[in-house]
Amino acid sequence: MAQAAQKLGFEFSGVDIPENDQTPYALRYSQFVVPLVKAVQQQDKEIQMLKEEIRQLRDLLSQ
């Protein structure tokens, strides 16, 4: 998870890295909310733009 975020250049504090071999990795699920909401907002914006483009293309075809 942390490596994927780093590859994307994204600062993500939702992963607790173990301090030693006896401690497991942990995820802080509350840290996932903001990035997920932002992703949904971006997808919604893109969907609206694509719907408008489809509408315009249909208008052109019907002329």
PDB file of N, CA and C in Angstrom:
ATOM      1  N   MET A   1       0.820  -1.185   0.000  1.00  0.00           N
ATOM      2  CA  MET A   1       0.000   0.000   0.000  1.00  0.00           C
ATOM      3  C   MET A   1       0.872   1.260   0.000  1.00  0.00           C
ATOM      4  N   ALA A   2       1.823   1.293   0.910  1.00  0.00           N
ATOM      5  CA  ALA A   2       2.702   2.460   0.998  1.00  0.00           C
ATOM      6  C   ALA A   2       3.520   2.622  -0.279  1.00  0.00           C
ATOM      7  N   GLN A   3       3.990   1.508  -0.848  1.00  0.00           N
ATOM      8  CA  GLN A   3       4.780   1.569  -2.081  1.00  0.00           C
ATOM      9  C   GLN A   3       3.946   2.078  -3.245  1.00  0.00           C
ATOM     10  N   ALA A   4       2.706   1.651  -3.323  1.00  0.00           N
ATOM     11  CA  ALA A   4       1.824   2.111  -4.401  1.00  0.00           C
ATOM     12  C   ALA A   4       1.601   3.611  -4.292  1.00  0.00           C
ATOM     13  N   ALA A   5       1.382   4.105  -3.097  1.00  0.00           N
ATOM     14  CA  ALA A   5       1.180   5.538  -2.889  1.00  0.00           C
ATOM     15  C   ALA A   5       2.439   6.315  -3.262  1.00  0.00           C
ATOM     16  N   GLN A   6       3.597   5.801  -2.896  1.00  0.00           N
ATOM     17  CA  GLN A   6       4.852   6.472  -3.221  1.00  0.00           C
ATOM     18  C   GLN A   6       5.085   6.518  -4.726  1.00  0.00           C
ATOM     19  N   LYS A   7       4.760   5.439  -5.434  1.00  0.00           N
ATOM     20  CA  LYS A   7       4.933   5.408  -6.890  1.00  0.00           C
ATOM     21  C   LYS A   7       4.100   6.488  -7.567  1.00  0.00           C
ATOM     22  N   LEU A   8       2.936   6.775  -6.982  1.00  0.00           N
ATOM     23  CA  LEU A   8       2.052   7.792  -7.540  1.00  0.00           C
ATOM     24  C   LEU A   8       2.406   9.192  -7.053  1.00  0.00           C
ATOM     25  N   GLY A   9       3.403   9.284  -6.166  1.00  0.00           N
ATOM     26  CA  GLY A   9       3.784  10.581  -5.628  1.00  0.00           C
ATOM     27  C   GLY A   9       2.782  11.107  -4.623  1.00  0.00           C
ATOM     28  N   PHE A  10       2.100  10.207  -3.960  1.00  0.00           N
ATOM     29  CA  PHE A  10       1.024  10.577  -3.041  1.00  0.00           C
ATOM     30  C   PHE A  10       1.480  10.362  -1.609  1.00  0.00           C
ATOM     31  N   GLU A  11       1.374  11.395  -0.789  1.00  0.00           N
ATOM     32  CA  GLU A  11       1.676  11.271   0.633  1.00  0.00           C
ATOM     33  C   GLU A  11       0.504  10.583   1.305  1.00  0.00           C
ATOM     34  N   PHE A  12       0.759   9.429   1.882  1.00  0.00           N
ATOM     35  CA  PHE A  12      -0.327   8.674   2.510  1.00  0.00           C
ATOM     36  C   PHE A  12       0.122   8.193   3.874  1.00  0.00           C
ATOM     37  N   SER A  13      -0.593   8.612   4.899  1.00  0.00           N
ATOM     38  CA  SER A  13      -0.214   8.262   6.270  1.00  0.00           C
ATOM     39  C   SER A  13      -1.096   7.155   6.835  1.00  0.00           C
ATOM     40  N   GLY A  14      -1.751   6.411   5.988  1.00  0.00           N
ATOM     41  CA  GLY A  14      -2.665   5.377   6.450  1.00  0.00           C
ATOM     42  C   GLY A  14      -2.023   4.034   6.720  1.00  0.00           C
ATOM     43  N   VAL A  15      -0.693   3.961   6.551  1.00  0.00           N
ATOM     44  CA  VAL A  15       0.012   2.701   6.799  1.00  0.00           C
ATOM     45  C   VAL A  15       0.971   2.905   7.962  1.00  0.00           C
ATOM     46  N   ASP A  16       0.838   2.081   8.972  1.00  0.00           N
ATOM     47  CA  ASP A  16       1.778   2.090  10.094  1.00  0.00           C
ATOM     48  C   ASP A  16       2.824   1.017   9.836  1.00  0.00           C
ATOM     49  N   ILE A  17       4.050   1.446   9.624  1.00  0.00           N
ATOM     50  CA  ILE A  17       5.144   0.515   9.354  1.00  0.00           C
ATOM     51  C   ILE A  17       5.638  -0.047  10.685  1.00  0.00           C
ATOM     52  N   PRO A  18       5.864  -1.344  10.748  1.00  0.00           N
ATOM     53  CA  PRO A  18       6.294  -1.951  12.017  1.00  0.00           C
ATOM     54  C   PRO A  18       7.667  -1.446  12.458  1.00  0.00           C
ATOM     55  N   GLU A  19       7.817  -1.322  13.766  1.00  0.00           N
ATOM     56  CA  GLU A  19       9.097  -0.869  14.314  1.00  0.00           C
ATOM     57  C   GLU A  19      10.104  -2.010  14.435  1.00  0.00           C
ATOM     58  N   ASN A  20       9.602  -3.256  14.453  1.00  0.00           N
ATOM     59  CA  ASN A  20      10.494  -4.407  14.554  1.00  0.00           C
ATOM     60  C   ASN A  20       9.826  -5.612  13.894  1.00  0.00           C
ATOM     61  N   ASP A  21      10.500  -6.742  13.923  1.00  0.00           N
ATOM     62  CA  ASP A  21       9.977  -7.953  13.273  1.00  0.00           C
ATOM     63  C   ASP A  21       8.772  -8.550  13.986  1.00  0.00           C
ATOM     64  N   GLN A  22       8.539  -8.165  15.203  1.00  0.00           N
ATOM     65  CA  GLN A  22       7.444  -8.723  15.994  1.00  0.00           C
ATOM     66  C   GLN A  22       6.144  -7.930  15.848  1.00  0.00           C
ATOM     67  N   THR A  23       6.234  -6.749  15.279  1.00  0.00           N
ATOM     68  CA  THR A  23       5.071  -5.874  15.136  1.00  0.00           C
ATOM     69  C   THR A  23       4.545  -5.959  13.699  1.00  0.00           C
ATOM     70  N   PRO A  24       3.241  -6.161  13.517  1.00  0.00           N
ATOM     71  CA  PRO A  24       2.692  -6.252  12.152  1.00  0.00           C
ATOM     72  C   PRO A  24       2.457  -4.866  11.536  1.00  0.00           C
ATOM     73  N   TYR A  25       2.346  -4.857  10.227  1.00  0.00           N
ATOM     74  CA  TYR A  25       1.892  -3.646   9.547  1.00  0.00           C
ATOM     75  C   TYR A  25       0.455  -3.395   9.973  1.00  0.00           C
ATOM     76  N   ALA A  26       0.044  -2.139   9.943  1.00  0.00           N
ATOM     77  CA  ALA A  26      -1.334  -1.805  10.297  1.00  0.00           C
ATOM     78  C   ALA A  26      -1.843  -0.734   9.338  1.00  0.00           C
ATOM     79  N   LEU A  27      -3.135  -0.744   9.112  1.00  0.00           N
ATOM     80  CA  LEU A  27      -3.778   0.262   8.268  1.00  0.00           C
ATOM     81  C   LEU A  27      -4.702   1.115   9.120  1.00  0.00           C
ATOM     82  N   ARG A  28      -4.653   2.417   8.886  1.00  0.00           N
ATOM     83  CA  ARG A  28      -5.583   3.334   9.549  1.00  0.00           C
ATOM     84  C   ARG A  28      -6.662   3.668   8.518  1.00  0.00           C
ATOM     85  N   TYR A  29      -7.757   2.952   8.621  1.00  0.00           N
ATOM     86  CA  TYR A  29      -8.808   3.057   7.605  1.00  0.00           C
ATOM     87  C   TYR A  29      -9.412   4.451   7.513  1.00  0.00           C
ATOM     88  N   SER A  30      -9.399   5.205   8.592  1.00  0.00           N
ATOM     89  CA  SER A  30      -9.948   6.564   8.538  1.00  0.00           C
ATOM     90  C   SER A  30      -9.156   7.442   7.571  1.00  0.00           C
ATOM     91  N   GLN A  31      -7.896   7.098   7.324  1.00  0.00           N
ATOM     92  CA  GLN A  31      -7.065   7.868   6.401  1.00  0.00           C
ATOM     93  C   GLN A  31      -7.427   7.608   4.939  1.00  0.00           C
ATOM     94  N   PHE A  32      -8.237   6.594   4.690  1.00  0.00           N
ATOM     95  CA  PHE A  32      -8.642   6.264   3.326  1.00  0.00           C
ATOM     96  C   PHE A  32      -9.799   7.142   2.841  1.00  0.00           C
ATOM     97  N   VAL A  33     -10.549   7.735   3.744  1.00  0.00           N
ATOM     98  CA  VAL A  33     -11.789   8.421   3.385  1.00  0.00           C
ATOM     99  C   VAL A  33     -11.549   9.592   2.443  1.00  0.00           C
ATOM    100  N   VAL A  34     -10.662  10.495   2.786  1.00  0.00           N
ATOM    101  CA  VAL A  34     -10.455  11.695   1.970  1.00  0.00           C
ATOM    102  C   VAL A  34      -9.980  11.346   0.557  1.00  0.00           C
ATOM    103  N   PRO A  35      -8.967  10.484   0.396  1.00  0.00           N
ATOM    104  CA  PRO A  35      -8.567  10.142  -0.980  1.00  0.00           C
ATOM    105  C   PRO A  35      -9.681   9.460  -1.776  1.00  0.00           C
ATOM    106  N   LEU A  36     -10.483   8.636  -1.119  1.00  0.00           N
ATOM    107  CA  LEU A  36     -11.577   7.965  -1.827  1.00  0.00           C
ATOM    108  C   LEU A  36     -12.647   8.956  -2.259  1.00  0.00           C
ATOM    109  N   VAL A  37     -12.988   9.898  -1.398  1.00  0.00           N
ATOM    110  CA  VAL A  37     -13.987  10.915  -1.748  1.00  0.00           C
ATOM    111  C   VAL A  37     -13.482  11.745  -2.919  1.00  0.00           C
ATOM    112  N   LYS A  38     -12.214  12.132  -2.870  1.00  0.00           N
ATOM    113  CA  LYS A  38     -11.646  12.925  -3.967  1.00  0.00           C
ATOM    114  C   LYS A  38     -11.671  12.142  -5.279  1.00  0.00           C
ATOM    115  N   ALA A  39     -11.360  10.869  -5.222  1.00  0.00           N
ATOM    116  CA  ALA A  39     -11.381  10.039  -6.429  1.00  0.00           C
ATOM    117  C   ALA A  39     -12.785   9.954  -7.009  1.00  0.00           C
ATOM    118  N   VAL A  40     -13.782   9.791  -6.157  1.00  0.00           N
ATOM    119  CA  VAL A  40     -15.169   9.720  -6.625  1.00  0.00           C
ATOM    120  C   VAL A  40     -15.577  11.050  -7.242  1.00  0.00           C
ATOM    121  N   GLN A  41     -15.172  12.159  -6.637  1.00  0.00           N
ATOM    122  CA  GLN A  41     -15.494  13.473  -7.190  1.00  0.00           C
ATOM    123  C   GLN A  41     -14.862  13.653  -8.571  1.00  0.00           C
ATOM    124  N   GLN A  42     -13.620  13.229  -8.721  1.00  0.00           N
ATOM    125  CA  GLN A  42     -12.947  13.341 -10.015  1.00  0.00           C
ATOM    126  C   GLN A  42     -13.632  12.469 -11.064  1.00  0.00           C
ATOM    127  N   GLN A  43     -14.026  11.276 -10.677  1.00  0.00           N
ATOM    128  CA  GLN A  43     -14.711  10.385 -11.612  1.00  0.00           C
ATOM    129  C   GLN A  43     -16.064  10.957 -12.007  1.00  0.00           C
ATOM    130  N   ASP A  44     -16.771  11.544 -11.059  1.00  0.00           N
ATOM    131  CA  ASP A  44     -18.071  12.136 -11.360  1.00  0.00           C
ATOM    132  C   ASP A  44     -17.919  13.284 -12.355  1.00  0.00           C
ATOM    133  N   LYS A  45     -16.880  14.099 -12.160  1.00  0.00           N
ATOM    134  CA  LYS A  45     -16.633  15.206 -13.084  1.00  0.00           C
ATOM    135  C   LYS A  45     -16.361  14.675 -14.492  1.00  0.00           C
ATOM    136  N   GLU A  46     -15.557  13.632 -14.578  1.00  0.00           N
ATOM    137  CA  GLU A  46     -15.248  13.049 -15.886  1.00  0.00           C
ATOM    138  C   GLU A  46     -16.492  12.438 -16.524  1.00  0.00           C
ATOM    139  N   ILE A  47     -17.317  11.780 -15.737  1.00  0.00           N
ATOM    140  CA  ILE A  47     -18.562  11.196 -16.253  1.00  0.00           C
ATOM    141  C   ILE A  47     -19.458  12.286 -16.817  1.00  0.00           C
ATOM    142  N   GLN A  48     -19.579  13.396 -16.113  1.00  0.00           N
ATOM    143  CA  GLN A  48     -20.422  14.491 -16.592  1.00  0.00           C
ATOM    144  C   GLN A  48     -19.891  15.060 -17.908  1.00  0.00           C
ATOM    145  N   MET A  49     -18.560  15.195 -18.013  1.00  0.00           N
ATOM    146  CA  MET A  49     -17.969  15.694 -19.257  1.00  0.00           C
ATOM    147  C   MET A  49     -18.219  14.724 -20.405  1.00  0.00           C
ATOM    148  N   LEU A  50     -18.095  13.435 -20.142  1.00  0.00           N
ATOM    149  CA  LEU A  50     -18.327  12.433 -21.184  1.00  0.00           C
ATOM    150  C   LEU A  50     -19.793  12.397 -21.606  1.00  0.00           C
ATOM    151  N   LYS A  51     -20.697  12.550 -20.655  1.00  0.00           N
ATOM    152  CA  LYS A  51     -22.124  12.600 -20.995  1.00  0.00           C
ATOM    153  C   LYS A  51     -22.423  13.786 -21.898  1.00  0.00           C
ATOM    154  N   GLU A  52     -21.802  14.928 -21.599  1.00  0.00           N
ATOM    155  CA  GLU A  52     -22.011  16.112 -22.429  1.00  0.00           C
ATOM    156  C   GLU A  52     -21.440  15.888 -23.825  1.00  0.00           C
ATOM    157  N   GLU A  53     -20.284  15.262 -23.911  1.00  0.00           N
ATOM    158  CA  GLU A  53     -19.693  14.972 -25.216  1.00  0.00           C
ATOM    159  C   GLU A  53     -20.584  14.023 -26.015  1.00  0.00           C
ATOM    160  N   ILE A  54     -21.132  13.019 -25.384  1.00  0.00           N
ATOM    161  CA  ILE A  54     -22.048  12.086 -26.052  1.00  0.00           C
ATOM    162  C   ILE A  54     -23.283  12.825 -26.547  1.00  0.00           C
ATOM    163  N   ARG A  55     -23.817  13.707 -25.710  1.00  0.00           N
ATOM    164  CA  ARG A  55     -24.994  14.479 -26.112  1.00  0.00           C
ATOM    165  C   ARG A  55     -24.694  15.309 -27.355  1.00  0.00           C
ATOM    166  N   GLN A  56     -23.518  15.966 -27.369  1.00  0.00           N
ATOM    167  CA  GLN A  56     -23.140  16.790 -28.517  1.00  0.00           C
ATOM    168  C   GLN A  56     -22.955  15.941 -29.776  1.00  0.00           C
ATOM    169  N   LEU A  57     -22.358  14.787 -29.638  1.00  0.00           N
ATOM    170  CA  LEU A  57     -22.165  13.904 -30.794  1.00  0.00           C
ATOM    171  C   LEU A  57     -23.495  13.389 -31.326  1.00  0.00           C
ATOM    172  N   ARG A  58     -24.406  13.079 -30.429  1.00  0.00           N
ATOM    173  CA  ARG A  58     -25.735  12.632 -30.864  1.00  0.00           C
ATOM    174  C   ARG A  58     -26.458  13.746 -31.603  1.00  0.00           C
ATOM    175  N   ASP A  59     -26.304  14.968 -31.109  1.00  0.00           N
ATOM    176  CA  ASP A  59     -26.920  16.109 -31.788  1.00  0.00           C
ATOM    177  C   ASP A  59     -26.360  16.258 -33.202  1.00  0.00           C
ATOM    178  N   LEU A  60     -25.051  16.076 -33.347  1.00  0.00           N
ATOM    179  CA  LEU A  60     -24.438  16.171 -34.676  1.00  0.00           C
ATOM    180  C   LEU A  60     -24.956  15.085 -35.610  1.00  0.00           C
ATOM    181  N   LEU A  61     -25.103  13.887 -35.091  1.00  0.00           N
ATOM    182  CA  LEU A  61     -25.585  12.777 -35.912  1.00  0.00           C
ATOM    183  C   LEU A  61     -27.043  12.941 -36.321  1.00  0.00           C
ATOM    184  N   SER A  62     -27.814  13.593 -35.515  1.00  0.00           N
ATOM    185  CA  SER A  62     -29.243  13.723 -35.810  1.00  0.00           C
ATOM    186  C   SER A  62     -29.539  14.875 -36.764  1.00  0.00           C
ATOM    187  N   GLN A  63     -28.550  15.651 -37.120  1.00  0.00           N
ATOM    188  CA  GLN A  63     -28.774  16.791 -38.031  1.00  0.00           C
ATOM    189  C   GLN A  63     -28.826  16.345 -39.468  1.00  0.00           C
TER     190      GLN A  63
END
